[in-house]
N, C-alpha and C. Protein backbone atom coordinates (compact mmCIF):
# COMPACT_ATOMS: atom_id res chain seq x y z
N MET A 1 14.29 21.03 -30.79
CA MET A 1 13.88 19.97 -29.91
C MET A 1 12.93 20.80 -30.18
N THR A 2 11.98 19.70 -30.98
CA THR A 2 9.68 19.35 -30.07
C THR A 2 9.67 18.79 -28.41
N ASN A 3 8.55 19.86 -28.10
CA ASN A 3 8.19 19.10 -27.57
C ASN A 3 7.45 17.44 -26.90
N ASP A 4 7.55 17.22 -27.95
CA ASP A 4 7.86 15.18 -28.33
C ASP A 4 8.86 14.63 -28.17
N GLU A 5 9.54 15.39 -28.77
CA GLU A 5 11.06 15.19 -28.60
C GLU A 5 12.22 14.55 -27.35
N SER A 6 11.59 16.48 -26.60
CA SER A 6 11.57 16.18 -25.02
C SER A 6 11.31 14.74 -24.73
N LEU A 7 9.58 15.01 -24.59
CA LEU A 7 8.68 13.99 -24.14
C LEU A 7 9.68 13.07 -23.97
N ASP A 8 9.58 12.38 -25.33
CA ASP A 8 10.75 10.81 -25.66
C ASP A 8 12.05 9.93 -24.90
N LEU A 9 12.36 11.94 -25.09
CA LEU A 9 13.90 11.84 -24.18
C LEU A 9 14.15 11.20 -22.18
N VAL A 10 13.05 12.37 -22.12
CA VAL A 10 12.59 11.67 -20.97
C VAL A 10 12.06 10.54 -20.90
N LYS A 11 11.07 9.74 -21.01
CA LYS A 11 10.58 8.52 -20.97
C LYS A 11 11.94 7.64 -21.64
N GLN A 12 12.85 7.82 -22.56
CA GLN A 12 13.98 6.55 -22.33
C GLN A 12 14.62 7.04 -21.04
N ALA A 13 14.76 8.11 -21.18
CA ALA A 13 16.14 7.82 -19.47
C ALA A 13 15.37 6.95 -18.34
N ILE A 14 14.57 7.89 -17.91
CA ILE A 14 13.90 7.51 -16.78
C ILE A 14 13.40 5.10 -17.21
N ARG A 15 12.99 4.90 -17.87
CA ARG A 15 13.00 3.29 -18.52
C ARG A 15 14.52 2.44 -17.98
N GLU A 16 15.25 3.75 -18.53
CA GLU A 16 17.14 3.02 -18.60
C GLU A 16 16.73 3.33 -17.75
N ALA A 17 16.45 4.30 -16.71
CA ALA A 17 17.11 4.31 -15.29
C ALA A 17 16.51 2.81 -14.37
N GLY A 18 15.16 2.10 -15.17
CA GLY A 18 15.18 0.90 -14.51
C GLY A 18 13.40 0.76 -13.94
N LEU A 19 12.69 2.77 -13.49
CA LEU A 19 11.43 2.74 -13.21
C LEU A 19 10.27 2.75 -14.80
N ARG A 20 9.08 3.04 -13.55
CA ARG A 20 8.05 3.79 -14.97
C ARG A 20 8.03 4.80 -15.13
N ALA A 21 7.72 4.56 -16.64
CA ALA A 21 7.31 6.39 -17.65
C ALA A 21 6.10 6.19 -17.05
N THR A 22 5.86 6.80 -15.82
CA THR A 22 4.07 7.15 -15.25
C THR A 22 4.34 9.04 -15.79
N PRO A 23 2.68 9.64 -15.81
CA PRO A 23 2.70 10.85 -16.61
C PRO A 23 3.56 11.73 -15.39
N ALA A 24 3.00 11.24 -14.41
CA ALA A 24 3.44 12.67 -12.51
C ALA A 24 5.75 12.55 -13.17
N ARG A 25 5.41 11.22 -13.43
CA ARG A 25 7.48 11.09 -13.67
C ARG A 25 8.04 11.72 -14.50
N MET A 26 7.62 11.84 -15.57
CA MET A 26 8.61 12.84 -17.13
C MET A 26 7.35 13.68 -16.90
N ALA A 27 6.38 14.29 -15.82
CA ALA A 27 5.89 15.89 -15.41
C ALA A 27 7.24 16.30 -14.66
N THR A 28 7.73 15.55 -13.55
CA THR A 28 8.61 15.84 -13.31
C THR A 28 10.29 16.06 -13.64
N LEU A 29 10.53 15.52 -14.55
CA LEU A 29 11.76 15.49 -14.80
C LEU A 29 12.28 16.46 -16.09
N GLN A 30 10.69 16.28 -16.82
CA GLN A 30 11.14 17.33 -17.71
C GLN A 30 11.70 18.47 -16.76
N LEU A 31 10.19 19.30 -16.07
CA LEU A 31 10.30 20.02 -15.04
C LEU A 31 11.79 20.94 -14.92
N LEU A 32 12.14 19.67 -14.08
CA LEU A 32 14.01 20.26 -13.75
C LEU A 32 14.89 19.79 -14.85
N ARG A 33 14.34 19.50 -15.71
CA ARG A 33 15.39 19.47 -16.97
C ARG A 33 15.07 20.98 -17.28
N ASP A 34 13.88 20.91 -17.70
CA ASP A 34 14.07 22.32 -18.05
C ASP A 34 14.24 23.74 -17.09
N SER A 35 14.56 23.48 -16.12
CA SER A 35 15.00 24.48 -14.38
C SER A 35 16.26 24.86 -14.33
N ASN A 36 16.37 25.75 -14.41
CA ASN A 36 18.57 26.06 -14.93
C ASN A 36 19.29 26.67 -13.23
N ALA A 37 17.71 26.71 -12.38
CA ALA A 37 18.02 25.88 -11.14
C ALA A 37 18.47 25.02 -10.39
N PRO A 38 18.54 24.34 -9.00
CA PRO A 38 17.76 23.39 -8.19
C PRO A 38 16.84 23.67 -7.67
N LEU A 39 14.92 23.24 -7.58
CA LEU A 39 13.87 23.40 -6.75
C LEU A 39 13.63 22.61 -6.03
N ALA A 40 13.36 23.13 -4.66
CA ALA A 40 12.67 21.74 -3.39
C ALA A 40 11.04 21.17 -3.70
N HIS A 41 11.27 21.01 -3.25
CA HIS A 41 10.43 19.63 -3.47
C HIS A 41 8.56 20.70 -3.80
N ALA A 42 8.40 21.82 -2.02
CA ALA A 42 7.07 22.47 -2.08
C ALA A 42 7.28 23.41 -3.79
N ALA A 43 7.99 23.58 -4.45
CA ALA A 43 8.11 24.22 -5.91
C ALA A 43 8.15 23.65 -7.01
N VAL A 44 8.21 22.33 -6.63
CA VAL A 44 8.27 21.11 -8.30
C VAL A 44 6.02 20.43 -7.82
N ALA A 45 6.31 20.34 -6.46
CA ALA A 45 4.34 19.77 -6.24
C ALA A 45 3.56 21.61 -6.72
N GLU A 46 4.49 22.01 -6.10
CA GLU A 46 2.64 23.94 -7.11
C GLU A 46 2.87 23.48 -8.77
N HIS A 47 4.70 23.37 -8.65
CA HIS A 47 3.76 23.03 -10.18
C HIS A 47 2.35 22.00 -11.19
N LEU A 48 3.23 21.11 -11.10
CA LEU A 48 2.72 19.44 -10.85
C LEU A 48 1.03 19.63 -10.74
N SER A 49 0.73 20.17 -9.66
CA SER A 49 -0.64 20.58 -9.19
C SER A 49 -1.14 20.95 -10.25
N ALA A 50 -0.77 21.35 -11.02
CA ALA A 50 -1.32 21.78 -12.42
C ALA A 50 -1.90 20.58 -12.84
N SER A 51 -1.10 19.58 -12.61
CA SER A 51 -1.95 18.22 -14.19
C SER A 51 -2.35 17.82 -13.20
N GLY A 52 -2.22 17.75 -11.75
CA GLY A 52 -2.94 16.23 -11.16
C GLY A 52 -1.56 15.60 -9.95
N VAL A 53 -0.77 16.25 -9.35
CA VAL A 53 -0.03 15.83 -9.11
C VAL A 53 0.04 16.03 -7.51
N ASP A 54 -0.41 15.49 -6.91
CA ASP A 54 -0.47 15.43 -4.92
C ASP A 54 0.72 16.41 -4.99
N LYS A 55 1.26 16.36 -3.45
CA LYS A 55 2.69 17.29 -3.01
C LYS A 55 3.29 14.93 -3.14
N ALA A 56 2.60 14.41 -1.98
CA ALA A 56 2.74 12.77 -2.18
C ALA A 56 3.44 12.51 -3.43
N THR A 57 2.64 12.16 -3.82
CA THR A 57 2.94 11.84 -5.50
C THR A 57 4.90 11.69 -5.63
N ALA A 58 4.49 13.83 -6.25
CA ALA A 58 5.52 14.38 -6.45
C ALA A 58 6.85 14.03 -5.23
N PHE A 59 6.93 14.09 -4.26
CA PHE A 59 8.21 13.67 -2.98
C PHE A 59 8.00 12.68 -3.20
N ARG A 60 7.09 10.82 -3.32
CA ARG A 60 8.08 10.09 -3.51
C ARG A 60 8.50 10.09 -4.95
N ASN A 61 8.15 10.83 -6.13
CA ASN A 61 8.77 10.72 -7.26
C ASN A 61 10.20 10.82 -6.82
N LEU A 62 10.42 12.71 -6.23
CA LEU A 62 11.44 13.04 -6.72
C LEU A 62 12.24 12.39 -5.26
N ASN A 63 12.97 11.74 -4.53
CA ASN A 63 13.56 10.33 -4.37
C ASN A 63 13.35 8.58 -5.06
N ASP A 64 12.67 8.96 -6.03
CA ASP A 64 13.15 7.88 -7.16
C ASP A 64 13.75 8.13 -7.44
N LEU A 65 14.44 8.77 -8.33
CA LEU A 65 14.35 9.60 -9.62
C LEU A 65 16.06 9.67 -8.92
N VAL A 66 16.08 10.22 -7.93
CA VAL A 66 17.00 10.32 -7.16
C VAL A 66 17.99 8.67 -7.07
N GLU A 67 17.15 8.13 -6.90
CA GLU A 67 18.07 6.76 -6.39
C GLU A 67 18.22 5.82 -7.22
N ALA A 68 16.68 6.20 -8.58
CA ALA A 68 17.51 6.10 -9.90
C ALA A 68 18.98 6.67 -11.04
N GLY A 69 19.55 8.14 -10.12
CA GLY A 69 20.55 8.81 -10.40
C GLY A 69 20.24 9.89 -10.89
N LEU A 70 19.14 10.08 -11.87
CA LEU A 70 18.24 10.81 -12.58
C LEU A 70 18.25 12.10 -12.56
N LEU A 71 18.07 12.68 -10.73
CA LEU A 71 18.57 13.20 -9.93
C LEU A 71 19.80 14.07 -9.21
N ARG A 72 20.05 14.86 -8.73
CA ARG A 72 20.53 14.74 -7.47
C ARG A 72 20.07 15.69 -6.95
N ARG A 73 19.91 15.25 -4.82
CA ARG A 73 19.06 16.53 -3.96
C ARG A 73 20.21 16.47 -3.18
N THR A 74 20.32 18.42 -2.93
CA THR A 74 21.27 19.10 -2.42
C THR A 74 20.70 19.35 -1.44
N GLU A 75 21.53 20.08 -0.59
CA GLU A 75 20.97 21.21 0.75
C GLU A 75 22.16 21.95 0.73
N VAL A 76 20.87 22.99 1.27
CA VAL A 76 22.63 24.43 1.20
C VAL A 76 22.57 25.09 2.92
N GLY A 77 22.60 23.86 3.41
CA GLY A 77 22.34 24.59 4.95
C GLY A 77 20.86 25.72 5.05
N ASP A 78 19.46 25.37 4.50
CA ASP A 78 18.85 25.90 5.40
C ASP A 78 17.58 25.37 5.13
N HIS A 79 18.56 23.64 5.75
CA HIS A 79 17.55 22.31 5.93
C HIS A 79 16.22 21.79 4.71
N VAL A 80 16.35 22.10 3.31
CA VAL A 80 15.47 23.06 2.56
C VAL A 80 15.65 21.85 1.66
N TRP A 81 15.11 20.54 1.07
CA TRP A 81 16.00 19.69 -0.29
C TRP A 81 16.37 19.87 -1.60
N ARG A 82 16.86 20.63 -2.60
CA ARG A 82 15.89 21.49 -4.17
C ARG A 82 17.10 19.35 -4.60
N PHE A 83 16.09 19.62 -5.52
CA PHE A 83 16.11 18.89 -6.56
C PHE A 83 16.90 19.18 -8.48
N GLU A 84 17.63 18.63 -8.73
CA GLU A 84 18.07 18.74 -10.01
C GLU A 84 18.55 17.47 -10.64
N VAL A 85 18.87 19.01 -11.92
CA VAL A 85 19.00 17.46 -12.95
C VAL A 85 20.18 16.26 -13.32
N VAL A 86 20.83 15.56 -12.82
CA VAL A 86 22.55 15.24 -13.54
C VAL A 86 22.01 14.81 -14.86
N SER A 87 23.01 15.58 -15.05
CA SER A 87 23.72 15.25 -16.86
C SER A 87 24.88 15.21 -16.56
N ALA A 88 25.60 14.50 -18.35
CA ALA A 88 26.69 15.70 -18.32
C ALA A 88 26.66 16.68 -19.67
N GLU A 89 25.25 17.48 -19.28
CA GLU A 89 25.85 18.85 -20.09
C GLU A 89 26.02 19.88 -18.28
N HIS A 90 25.41 19.73 -17.48
CA HIS A 90 24.90 19.74 -16.14
C HIS A 90 25.87 19.28 -15.22
N ASP A 91 27.10 19.47 -15.38
CA ASP A 91 28.51 19.41 -14.95
C ASP A 91 28.04 18.81 -12.78
N ASN A 92 27.75 17.20 -12.66
CA ASN A 92 27.20 17.62 -11.04
C ASN A 92 28.31 18.39 -10.11
N GLY A 93 29.22 19.03 -10.50
CA GLY A 93 30.29 19.09 -9.39
C GLY A 93 30.67 20.22 -9.82
N HIS A 94 29.92 20.68 -9.75
CA HIS A 94 29.51 22.56 -9.94
C HIS A 94 29.30 23.58 -9.12
N PRO A 95 29.74 23.46 -8.33
CA PRO A 95 28.95 25.18 -7.74
C PRO A 95 27.66 25.63 -7.57
N HIS A 96 27.14 26.27 -6.21
CA HIS A 96 26.05 26.54 -5.87
C HIS A 96 26.08 28.15 -5.50
N PHE A 97 25.22 28.92 -5.76
CA PHE A 97 25.53 29.66 -4.35
C PHE A 97 23.94 30.45 -4.52
N LEU A 98 23.17 30.85 -3.18
CA LEU A 98 22.96 31.04 -2.30
C LEU A 98 23.18 31.90 -1.54
N CYS A 99 21.50 33.22 -1.85
CA CYS A 99 21.90 34.52 -1.70
C CYS A 99 20.98 35.21 -0.23
N VAL A 100 21.92 35.15 0.80
CA VAL A 100 20.92 35.23 2.58
C VAL A 100 20.12 35.79 2.20
N ASP A 101 19.21 36.77 1.86
CA ASP A 101 18.58 37.53 1.71
C ASP A 101 17.58 36.72 1.07
N CYS A 102 16.56 36.83 -0.07
CA CYS A 102 15.93 35.61 -0.28
C CYS A 102 15.90 34.46 -0.94
N GLY A 103 17.09 33.66 -0.43
CA GLY A 103 17.28 32.54 -0.10
C GLY A 103 17.13 32.11 -1.36
N SER A 104 17.34 32.21 -2.46
CA SER A 104 17.35 31.67 -3.96
C SER A 104 18.47 31.03 -4.28
N VAL A 105 18.76 29.57 -5.13
CA VAL A 105 19.91 28.72 -5.42
C VAL A 105 19.89 28.87 -6.83
N SER A 106 21.09 29.63 -7.07
CA SER A 106 21.89 29.05 -8.82
C SER A 106 23.13 28.45 -8.67
N CYS A 107 22.58 28.25 -9.73
CA CYS A 107 23.65 27.26 -10.64
C CYS A 107 25.35 27.97 -10.84
N LEU A 108 25.98 27.46 -9.95
CA LEU A 108 26.98 27.57 -11.05
C LEU A 108 28.17 27.25 -12.00
N ASP A 109 27.72 26.27 -13.16
CA ASP A 109 27.95 25.40 -14.10
C ASP A 109 29.33 26.20 -14.81
N ASP A 110 29.94 27.45 -14.36
CA ASP A 110 30.95 27.96 -15.20
C ASP A 110 32.52 27.40 -13.95
N VAL A 111 31.82 27.96 -13.21
CA VAL A 111 33.00 27.65 -12.41
C VAL A 111 33.36 26.31 -11.10
N LYS A 112 34.96 26.80 -11.83
CA LYS A 112 35.57 24.72 -11.77
C LYS A 112 36.84 25.07 -10.36
N LEU A 113 36.33 24.40 -9.71
CA LEU A 113 38.67 24.26 -8.25
C LEU A 113 39.68 24.88 -9.92
N THR A 114 41.15 25.21 -8.93
CA THR A 114 42.05 24.83 -10.16
C THR A 114 42.38 24.17 -9.55
N VAL A 115 43.17 23.53 -10.93
CA VAL A 115 44.58 22.18 -10.30
C VAL A 115 44.35 21.99 -8.68
N GLY A 116 45.39 23.67 -8.74
CA GLY A 116 45.96 23.24 -7.00
C GLY A 116 44.76 23.37 -6.13
N SER A 117 43.70 23.97 -5.93
CA SER A 117 42.79 24.19 -5.36
C SER A 117 42.61 22.59 -5.04
N LYS A 118 41.73 21.73 -6.35
CA LYS A 118 42.05 20.17 -6.06
C LYS A 118 42.63 19.52 -4.91
N ARG A 119 43.97 19.14 -5.09
CA ARG A 119 45.50 19.74 -5.05
C ARG A 119 45.76 19.44 -3.04
N ALA A 120 45.44 20.37 -3.14
CA ALA A 120 44.77 20.58 -1.65
C ALA A 120 43.50 20.58 -1.27
N SER A 121 42.54 19.98 -1.75
CA SER A 121 41.07 19.64 -0.96
C SER A 121 41.64 18.44 -0.57
N GLU A 122 42.11 17.89 -1.78
CA GLU A 122 42.47 15.48 -1.52
C GLU A 122 43.37 15.91 0.03
N LYS A 123 43.80 16.93 -0.05
CA LYS A 123 44.86 16.35 1.02
C LYS A 123 44.54 16.25 2.79
N VAL A 124 42.70 17.28 1.94
CA VAL A 124 42.00 16.81 3.33
C VAL A 124 40.42 15.86 2.75
N GLY A 125 40.45 16.28 2.20
CA GLY A 125 39.13 14.80 1.99
C GLY A 125 38.67 15.26 0.33
N GLU A 126 37.04 14.48 0.09
CA GLU A 126 35.92 13.66 -0.93
C GLU A 126 35.59 15.11 -1.50
N ILE A 127 35.51 16.99 -1.97
CA ILE A 127 34.56 17.44 -1.72
C ILE A 127 32.89 17.26 -2.80
N THR A 128 32.28 17.76 -2.00
CA THR A 128 31.61 16.92 -3.12
C THR A 128 29.65 17.84 -3.03
N GLU A 129 29.85 18.56 -2.33
CA GLU A 129 29.48 20.30 -3.08
C GLU A 129 29.85 21.24 -2.37
N ILE A 130 29.99 22.36 -3.29
CA ILE A 130 30.42 24.54 -3.08
C ILE A 130 29.73 24.67 -2.91
N LEU A 131 29.35 25.51 -1.72
CA LEU A 131 28.27 26.77 -1.27
C LEU A 131 28.67 27.78 -2.01
N LEU A 132 28.65 28.95 -2.00
CA LEU A 132 29.44 31.04 -1.95
C LEU A 132 27.95 30.88 -1.89
N ARG A 133 27.60 32.21 -0.25
CA ARG A 133 26.56 32.71 0.02
C ARG A 133 27.03 34.00 0.05
N GLY A 134 26.04 35.57 -1.18
CA GLY A 134 25.95 36.69 -1.17
C GLY A 134 25.03 37.04 -1.13
N HIS A 135 24.42 38.03 -1.88
CA HIS A 135 23.45 39.10 -1.76
C HIS A 135 22.98 38.22 -3.22
N CYS A 136 22.30 38.24 -3.65
CA CYS A 136 22.52 38.24 -5.57
C CYS A 136 21.51 39.67 -6.09
N ASN A 137 21.63 39.75 -7.81
CA ASN A 137 21.97 41.03 -7.87
C ASN A 137 20.79 41.77 -7.56
N ASP A 138 19.47 40.93 -7.74
CA ASP A 138 17.59 41.65 -7.59
C ASP A 138 18.35 41.66 -5.97
N CYS A 139 18.34 41.14 -4.86
CA CYS A 139 19.10 41.54 -3.61
C CYS A 139 19.26 42.66 -3.06
N ARG A 140 21.03 43.15 -3.55
CA ARG A 140 22.03 44.12 -3.10
C ARG A 140 22.04 45.07 -4.02
């Protein structure tokens, strides 16, 4: 897929969600679509600053995209909101891995609850997030 095709898909997704497809929103959604892990506001703002997007605009756009259902916001216990794309390819029921040393967060798309685990958890309530903590390969 060419970059133009990718941007067209981003623009279409934003418009279908009922938002204006501004350059800042398009850059934000494209950045998160290209990322293989959830990104904090600071990382998004730093990346987008090169194209003239300030921190406040980045934060507003992240929240607008969450409200529109294009992004998911998660907090892994460190009081930092991280954002990731909502899509069919990126199952939103997937767990995350948090390195307790460096703070990096990784998606574990291939890790699923077993049928038995799902049944057992339904007795207690609805699971909305699964977080695994440990030491990443770079830190151990």
